Amino acid sequence: MLNSQAWYQVHRNGTEAIRGRIDDQLSQSEAVIVLIGNQTATRKWVRYEIEKAWQDRKPLLGVYIHGLPSNNIIGSAGPDPFDTTRDMFGIPVFSPTARDWRGNVDPEATFENLSQNLET
């Protein structure tokens, strides 16, 4: 995982540097968890990482995070990125998003649901 400054440094060195960084990180990983936000499925490098993990036979898991606040904003669910990647099927996707009695996203209950259930 890269913070924004480290990502910028790798990104400055071009496409092959990015691909190399992702390949290196995946080679050291036993599994890949894809955090699914509003725009995840449209991100070129997320799609590359998913395809590379699938090709390398790494276990994949998707986790929706739209019920968790970011800068005090609760985003909307994005599309499943595994649906937009060719020849992928059967990849589990966990959605911890909890709603209150009015149907609104409950971020505290969502976080609790995520922390109680992610491991299983």
N, C-alpha and C. Protein backbone atom coordinates (compact mmCIF):
# COMPACT_ATOMS: atom_id res chain seq x y z
N MET A 1 0.85 -1.17 0.00
CA MET A 1 0.00 0.00 0.00
C MET A 1 0.90 1.24 0.00
N LEU A 2 0.49 2.22 -0.74
CA LEU A 2 1.28 3.44 -0.86
C LEU A 2 0.50 4.64 -0.34
N ASN A 3 1.19 5.50 0.40
CA ASN A 3 0.53 6.76 0.73
C ASN A 3 0.62 7.66 -0.50
N SER A 4 -0.02 8.80 -0.45
CA SER A 4 -0.10 9.64 -1.66
C SER A 4 1.27 10.11 -2.14
N GLN A 5 2.19 10.40 -1.24
CA GLN A 5 3.52 10.85 -1.66
C GLN A 5 4.30 9.73 -2.35
N ALA A 6 4.25 8.54 -1.77
CA ALA A 6 4.95 7.40 -2.38
C ALA A 6 4.34 7.05 -3.74
N TRP A 7 2.99 7.11 -3.82
CA TRP A 7 2.32 6.84 -5.10
C TRP A 7 2.78 7.85 -6.15
N TYR A 8 2.87 9.12 -5.78
CA TYR A 8 3.29 10.16 -6.73
C TYR A 8 4.69 9.85 -7.25
N GLN A 9 5.58 9.42 -6.37
CA GLN A 9 6.96 9.12 -6.78
C GLN A 9 7.00 7.96 -7.77
N VAL A 10 6.24 6.90 -7.50
CA VAL A 10 6.19 5.77 -8.42
C VAL A 10 5.53 6.20 -9.72
N HIS A 11 4.43 6.93 -9.62
CA HIS A 11 3.67 7.38 -10.79
C HIS A 11 4.53 8.25 -11.71
N ARG A 12 5.39 9.07 -11.14
CA ARG A 12 6.29 9.93 -11.94
C ARG A 12 7.19 9.13 -12.86
N ASN A 13 7.50 7.90 -12.45
CA ASN A 13 8.41 7.07 -13.24
C ASN A 13 7.71 6.29 -14.35
N GLY A 14 6.41 6.46 -14.50
CA GLY A 14 5.70 5.90 -15.64
C GLY A 14 5.00 4.58 -15.39
N THR A 15 4.36 4.14 -16.45
CA THR A 15 3.52 2.95 -16.42
C THR A 15 4.27 1.71 -15.97
N GLU A 16 5.44 1.50 -16.50
CA GLU A 16 6.20 0.29 -16.14
C GLU A 16 6.60 0.29 -14.67
N ALA A 17 6.90 1.46 -14.12
CA ALA A 17 7.23 1.55 -12.70
C ALA A 17 6.02 1.19 -11.83
N ILE A 18 4.86 1.66 -12.24
CA ILE A 18 3.64 1.34 -11.49
C ILE A 18 3.36 -0.15 -11.57
N ARG A 19 3.42 -0.68 -12.78
CA ARG A 19 3.18 -2.11 -12.96
C ARG A 19 4.19 -2.93 -12.15
N GLY A 20 5.44 -2.52 -12.17
CA GLY A 20 6.47 -3.22 -11.41
C GLY A 20 6.22 -3.18 -9.91
N ARG A 21 5.79 -2.03 -9.43
CA ARG A 21 5.50 -1.89 -7.99
C ARG A 21 4.34 -2.80 -7.59
N ILE A 22 3.28 -2.81 -8.39
CA ILE A 22 2.14 -3.67 -8.10
C ILE A 22 2.56 -5.14 -8.15
N ASP A 23 3.30 -5.52 -9.19
CA ASP A 23 3.75 -6.90 -9.32
C ASP A 23 4.60 -7.32 -8.12
N ASP A 24 5.48 -6.43 -7.69
CA ASP A 24 6.34 -6.72 -6.55
C ASP A 24 5.51 -6.91 -5.27
N GLN A 25 4.56 -6.02 -5.05
CA GLN A 25 3.72 -6.12 -3.86
C GLN A 25 2.87 -7.39 -3.89
N LEU A 26 2.34 -7.73 -5.05
CA LEU A 26 1.53 -8.95 -5.14
C LEU A 26 2.36 -10.21 -4.94
N SER A 27 3.60 -10.18 -5.37
CA SER A 27 4.45 -11.37 -5.21
C SER A 27 4.71 -11.66 -3.73
N GLN A 28 4.58 -10.64 -2.90
CA GLN A 28 4.80 -10.80 -1.46
C GLN A 28 3.50 -11.01 -0.68
N SER A 29 2.37 -11.09 -1.39
CA SER A 29 1.07 -11.20 -0.75
C SER A 29 0.51 -12.60 -0.88
N GLU A 30 -0.18 -13.04 0.15
CA GLU A 30 -0.85 -14.33 0.09
C GLU A 30 -2.25 -14.20 -0.49
N ALA A 31 -2.85 -13.02 -0.32
CA ALA A 31 -4.22 -12.78 -0.80
C ALA A 31 -4.36 -11.29 -1.07
N VAL A 32 -5.43 -10.93 -1.78
CA VAL A 32 -5.68 -9.52 -2.10
C VAL A 32 -7.10 -9.16 -1.67
N ILE A 33 -7.20 -8.13 -0.84
CA ILE A 33 -8.49 -7.59 -0.45
C ILE A 33 -8.66 -6.26 -1.16
N VAL A 34 -9.74 -6.16 -1.93
CA VAL A 34 -10.03 -4.95 -2.69
C VAL A 34 -11.09 -4.17 -1.94
N LEU A 35 -10.74 -2.97 -1.49
CA LEU A 35 -11.71 -2.10 -0.83
C LEU A 35 -12.53 -1.42 -1.92
N ILE A 36 -13.83 -1.65 -1.91
CA ILE A 36 -14.69 -1.18 -2.99
C ILE A 36 -15.40 0.10 -2.60
N GLY A 37 -15.00 1.19 -3.22
CA GLY A 37 -15.64 2.48 -3.04
C GLY A 37 -16.41 2.86 -4.28
N ASN A 38 -16.85 4.08 -4.33
CA ASN A 38 -17.68 4.58 -5.40
C ASN A 38 -17.02 4.47 -6.77
N GLN A 39 -15.70 4.68 -6.86
CA GLN A 39 -15.02 4.72 -8.15
C GLN A 39 -14.01 3.59 -8.36
N THR A 40 -13.99 2.64 -7.45
CA THR A 40 -12.99 1.57 -7.52
C THR A 40 -12.99 0.85 -8.86
N ALA A 41 -14.17 0.50 -9.35
CA ALA A 41 -14.28 -0.29 -10.58
C ALA A 41 -13.76 0.44 -11.81
N THR A 42 -13.65 1.77 -11.74
CA THR A 42 -13.18 2.53 -12.90
C THR A 42 -11.67 2.81 -12.85
N ARG A 43 -11.01 2.41 -11.80
CA ARG A 43 -9.59 2.72 -11.64
C ARG A 43 -8.72 1.72 -12.39
N LYS A 44 -7.94 2.22 -13.32
CA LYS A 44 -7.08 1.39 -14.18
C LYS A 44 -6.18 0.47 -13.36
N TRP A 45 -5.52 1.01 -12.36
CA TRP A 45 -4.54 0.21 -11.62
C TRP A 45 -5.20 -0.75 -10.66
N VAL A 46 -6.39 -0.46 -10.20
CA VAL A 46 -7.14 -1.43 -9.40
C VAL A 46 -7.50 -2.62 -10.28
N ARG A 47 -7.98 -2.34 -11.48
CA ARG A 47 -8.31 -3.42 -12.40
C ARG A 47 -7.07 -4.25 -12.73
N TYR A 48 -5.93 -3.59 -12.93
CA TYR A 48 -4.69 -4.32 -13.21
C TYR A 48 -4.34 -5.23 -12.02
N GLU A 49 -4.43 -4.70 -10.82
CA GLU A 49 -4.10 -5.47 -9.63
C GLU A 49 -5.01 -6.70 -9.49
N ILE A 50 -6.30 -6.50 -9.74
CA ILE A 50 -7.25 -7.61 -9.68
C ILE A 50 -6.89 -8.67 -10.72
N GLU A 51 -6.67 -8.24 -11.95
CA GLU A 51 -6.34 -9.19 -13.02
C GLU A 51 -5.04 -9.94 -12.74
N LYS A 52 -4.05 -9.23 -12.23
CA LYS A 52 -2.75 -9.85 -11.91
C LYS A 52 -2.92 -10.86 -10.78
N ALA A 53 -3.66 -10.50 -9.75
CA ALA A 53 -3.90 -11.43 -8.64
C ALA A 53 -4.62 -12.67 -9.13
N TRP A 54 -5.62 -12.50 -9.99
CA TRP A 54 -6.36 -13.63 -10.55
C TRP A 54 -5.44 -14.52 -11.37
N GLN A 55 -4.62 -13.89 -12.21
CA GLN A 55 -3.66 -14.63 -13.05
C GLN A 55 -2.68 -15.42 -12.18
N ASP A 56 -2.25 -14.82 -11.07
CA ASP A 56 -1.29 -15.47 -10.17
C ASP A 56 -1.96 -16.41 -9.17
N ARG A 57 -3.28 -16.58 -9.32
CA ARG A 57 -4.07 -17.47 -8.48
C ARG A 57 -4.03 -17.08 -7.00
N LYS A 58 -4.02 -15.78 -6.75
CA LYS A 58 -4.09 -15.28 -5.38
C LYS A 58 -5.57 -15.20 -4.98
N PRO A 59 -5.91 -15.59 -3.77
CA PRO A 59 -7.28 -15.43 -3.31
C PRO A 59 -7.66 -13.94 -3.32
N LEU A 60 -8.88 -13.67 -3.75
CA LEU A 60 -9.39 -12.30 -3.82
C LEU A 60 -10.65 -12.17 -2.96
N LEU A 61 -10.81 -11.02 -2.36
CA LEU A 61 -12.01 -10.69 -1.59
C LEU A 61 -12.30 -9.22 -1.80
N GLY A 62 -13.54 -8.89 -2.05
CA GLY A 62 -13.96 -7.50 -2.15
C GLY A 62 -14.69 -7.09 -0.88
N VAL A 63 -14.45 -5.86 -0.42
CA VAL A 63 -15.13 -5.34 0.76
C VAL A 63 -15.67 -3.95 0.43
N TYR A 64 -16.99 -3.82 0.45
CA TYR A 64 -17.60 -2.51 0.24
C TYR A 64 -17.31 -1.61 1.44
N ILE A 65 -16.90 -0.38 1.17
CA ILE A 65 -16.58 0.56 2.25
C ILE A 65 -17.44 1.81 2.20
N HIS A 66 -18.48 1.82 1.37
CA HIS A 66 -19.28 3.04 1.22
C HIS A 66 -20.05 3.41 2.47
N GLY A 67 -20.19 2.53 3.43
CA GLY A 67 -20.89 2.87 4.67
C GLY A 67 -19.99 3.49 5.71
N LEU A 68 -18.70 3.62 5.40
CA LEU A 68 -17.75 4.22 6.33
C LEU A 68 -17.49 5.66 5.90
N PRO A 69 -17.51 6.60 6.85
CA PRO A 69 -17.32 8.00 6.46
C PRO A 69 -15.88 8.31 6.07
N SER A 70 -15.74 9.18 5.10
CA SER A 70 -14.45 9.72 4.69
C SER A 70 -14.62 11.23 4.65
N ASN A 71 -13.86 11.94 5.46
CA ASN A 71 -14.02 13.39 5.59
C ASN A 71 -15.47 13.75 5.93
N ASN A 72 -16.06 12.95 6.82
CA ASN A 72 -17.44 13.14 7.29
C ASN A 72 -18.49 13.01 6.19
N ILE A 73 -18.13 12.37 5.10
CA ILE A 73 -19.07 12.12 4.00
C ILE A 73 -19.22 10.62 3.83
N ILE A 74 -20.45 10.18 3.74
CA ILE A 74 -20.70 8.76 3.48
C ILE A 74 -21.03 8.63 2.01
N GLY A 75 -20.16 7.96 1.28
CA GLY A 75 -20.33 7.83 -0.16
C GLY A 75 -21.38 6.80 -0.53
N SER A 76 -21.70 6.77 -1.79
CA SER A 76 -22.64 5.78 -2.29
C SER A 76 -21.86 4.56 -2.77
N ALA A 77 -22.55 3.45 -2.87
CA ALA A 77 -21.91 2.20 -3.31
C ALA A 77 -21.50 2.31 -4.77
N GLY A 78 -20.35 1.79 -5.07
CA GLY A 78 -19.90 1.72 -6.46
C GLY A 78 -20.15 0.34 -7.01
N PRO A 79 -19.95 0.16 -8.31
CA PRO A 79 -20.14 -1.16 -8.90
C PRO A 79 -19.07 -2.14 -8.44
N ASP A 80 -19.40 -3.40 -8.49
CA ASP A 80 -18.48 -4.47 -8.13
C ASP A 80 -17.35 -4.49 -9.17
N PRO A 81 -16.09 -4.25 -8.78
CA PRO A 81 -15.00 -4.20 -9.76
C PRO A 81 -14.71 -5.56 -10.40
N PHE A 82 -15.16 -6.63 -9.78
CA PHE A 82 -14.93 -7.95 -10.36
C PHE A 82 -15.87 -8.19 -11.54
N ASP A 83 -16.98 -7.47 -11.59
CA ASP A 83 -17.90 -7.58 -12.72
C ASP A 83 -17.34 -6.91 -13.97
N THR A 84 -16.44 -5.95 -13.80
CA THR A 84 -15.90 -5.21 -14.93
C THR A 84 -14.56 -5.79 -15.41
N THR A 85 -14.13 -6.86 -14.78
CA THR A 85 -12.85 -7.48 -15.12
C THR A 85 -13.13 -8.79 -15.84
N ARG A 86 -12.47 -9.00 -16.93
CA ARG A 86 -12.80 -10.14 -17.80
C ARG A 86 -12.52 -11.50 -17.14
N ASP A 87 -13.39 -12.44 -17.47
CA ASP A 87 -13.24 -13.84 -17.08
C ASP A 87 -13.14 -14.08 -15.57
N MET A 88 -13.78 -13.25 -14.78
CA MET A 88 -13.76 -13.44 -13.33
C MET A 88 -15.14 -13.84 -12.85
N PHE A 89 -15.16 -14.81 -11.97
CA PHE A 89 -16.43 -15.25 -11.42
C PHE A 89 -16.18 -15.87 -10.05
N GLY A 90 -17.17 -15.83 -9.22
CA GLY A 90 -17.09 -16.49 -7.92
C GLY A 90 -16.25 -15.80 -6.87
N ILE A 91 -15.92 -14.53 -7.07
CA ILE A 91 -15.11 -13.82 -6.08
C ILE A 91 -16.05 -13.26 -5.01
N PRO A 92 -15.82 -13.61 -3.74
CA PRO A 92 -16.71 -13.14 -2.69
C PRO A 92 -16.58 -11.64 -2.45
N VAL A 93 -17.71 -11.03 -2.17
CA VAL A 93 -17.75 -9.61 -1.86
C VAL A 93 -18.54 -9.44 -0.56
N PHE A 94 -17.94 -8.79 0.40
CA PHE A 94 -18.56 -8.57 1.70
C PHE A 94 -19.04 -7.12 1.78
N SER A 95 -20.29 -6.96 2.17
CA SER A 95 -20.85 -5.62 2.35
C SER A 95 -21.28 -5.45 3.80
N PRO A 96 -20.46 -4.77 4.59
CA PRO A 96 -20.79 -4.58 6.00
C PRO A 96 -21.77 -3.44 6.26
N THR A 97 -22.20 -2.77 5.21
CA THR A 97 -23.02 -1.57 5.37
C THR A 97 -24.31 -1.88 6.12
N ALA A 98 -24.51 -1.15 7.21
CA ALA A 98 -25.72 -1.29 8.03
C ALA A 98 -26.58 -0.04 7.87
N ARG A 99 -27.87 -0.22 7.99
CA ARG A 99 -28.80 0.90 7.85
C ARG A 99 -29.67 1.02 9.10
N ASP A 100 -30.08 2.25 9.37
CA ASP A 100 -30.98 2.47 10.50
C ASP A 100 -32.42 2.18 10.07
N TRP A 101 -33.36 2.38 10.97
CA TRP A 101 -34.76 2.05 10.69
C TRP A 101 -35.36 2.90 9.58
N ARG A 102 -34.71 4.04 9.25
CA ARG A 102 -35.19 4.88 8.15
C ARG A 102 -34.57 4.50 6.81
N GLY A 103 -33.63 3.58 6.84
CA GLY A 103 -32.95 3.18 5.60
C GLY A 103 -31.68 3.94 5.33
N ASN A 104 -31.28 4.83 6.24
CA ASN A 104 -30.04 5.59 6.08
C ASN A 104 -28.86 4.77 6.54
N VAL A 105 -27.72 4.97 5.91
CA VAL A 105 -26.51 4.26 6.31
C VAL A 105 -26.14 4.67 7.73
N ASP A 106 -25.85 3.68 8.55
CA ASP A 106 -25.42 3.90 9.93
C ASP A 106 -23.92 3.61 10.00
N PRO A 107 -23.08 4.65 9.98
CA PRO A 107 -21.63 4.41 9.91
C PRO A 107 -21.07 3.67 11.13
N GLU A 108 -21.61 3.94 12.31
CA GLU A 108 -21.10 3.24 13.50
C GLU A 108 -21.42 1.76 13.45
N ALA A 109 -22.65 1.44 13.07
CA ALA A 109 -23.04 0.02 12.95
C ALA A 109 -22.28 -0.64 11.80
N THR A 110 -22.02 0.10 10.74
CA THR A 110 -21.25 -0.44 9.61
C THR A 110 -19.85 -0.79 10.06
N PHE A 111 -19.20 0.12 10.79
CA PHE A 111 -17.85 -0.15 11.29
C PHE A 111 -17.85 -1.36 12.21
N GLU A 112 -18.83 -1.43 13.08
CA GLU A 112 -18.94 -2.57 14.01
C GLU A 112 -19.12 -3.88 13.23
N ASN A 113 -19.99 -3.85 12.24
CA ASN A 113 -20.21 -5.03 11.41
C ASN A 113 -18.93 -5.45 10.68
N LEU A 114 -18.20 -4.48 10.17
CA LEU A 114 -16.93 -4.76 9.48
C LEU A 114 -15.94 -5.38 10.46
N SER A 115 -15.74 -4.75 11.61
CA SER A 115 -14.73 -5.26 12.54
C SER A 115 -15.11 -6.61 13.15
N GLN A 116 -16.40 -6.87 13.30
CA GLN A 116 -16.84 -8.16 13.87
C GLN A 116 -16.77 -9.30 12.87
N ASN A 117 -16.90 -8.98 11.57
CA ASN A 117 -17.09 -10.05 10.58
C ASN A 117 -16.01 -10.17 9.50
N LEU A 118 -15.11 -9.24 9.39
CA LEU A 118 -14.14 -9.28 8.28
C LEU A 118 -13.28 -10.54 8.34
N GLU A 119 -12.83 -10.90 9.51
CA GLU A 119 -11.94 -12.05 9.61
C GLU A 119 -12.60 -13.34 9.12
N THR A 120 -13.89 -13.48 9.38
CA THR A 120 -14.57 -14.71 8.95
C THR A 120 -15.03 -14.59 7.53
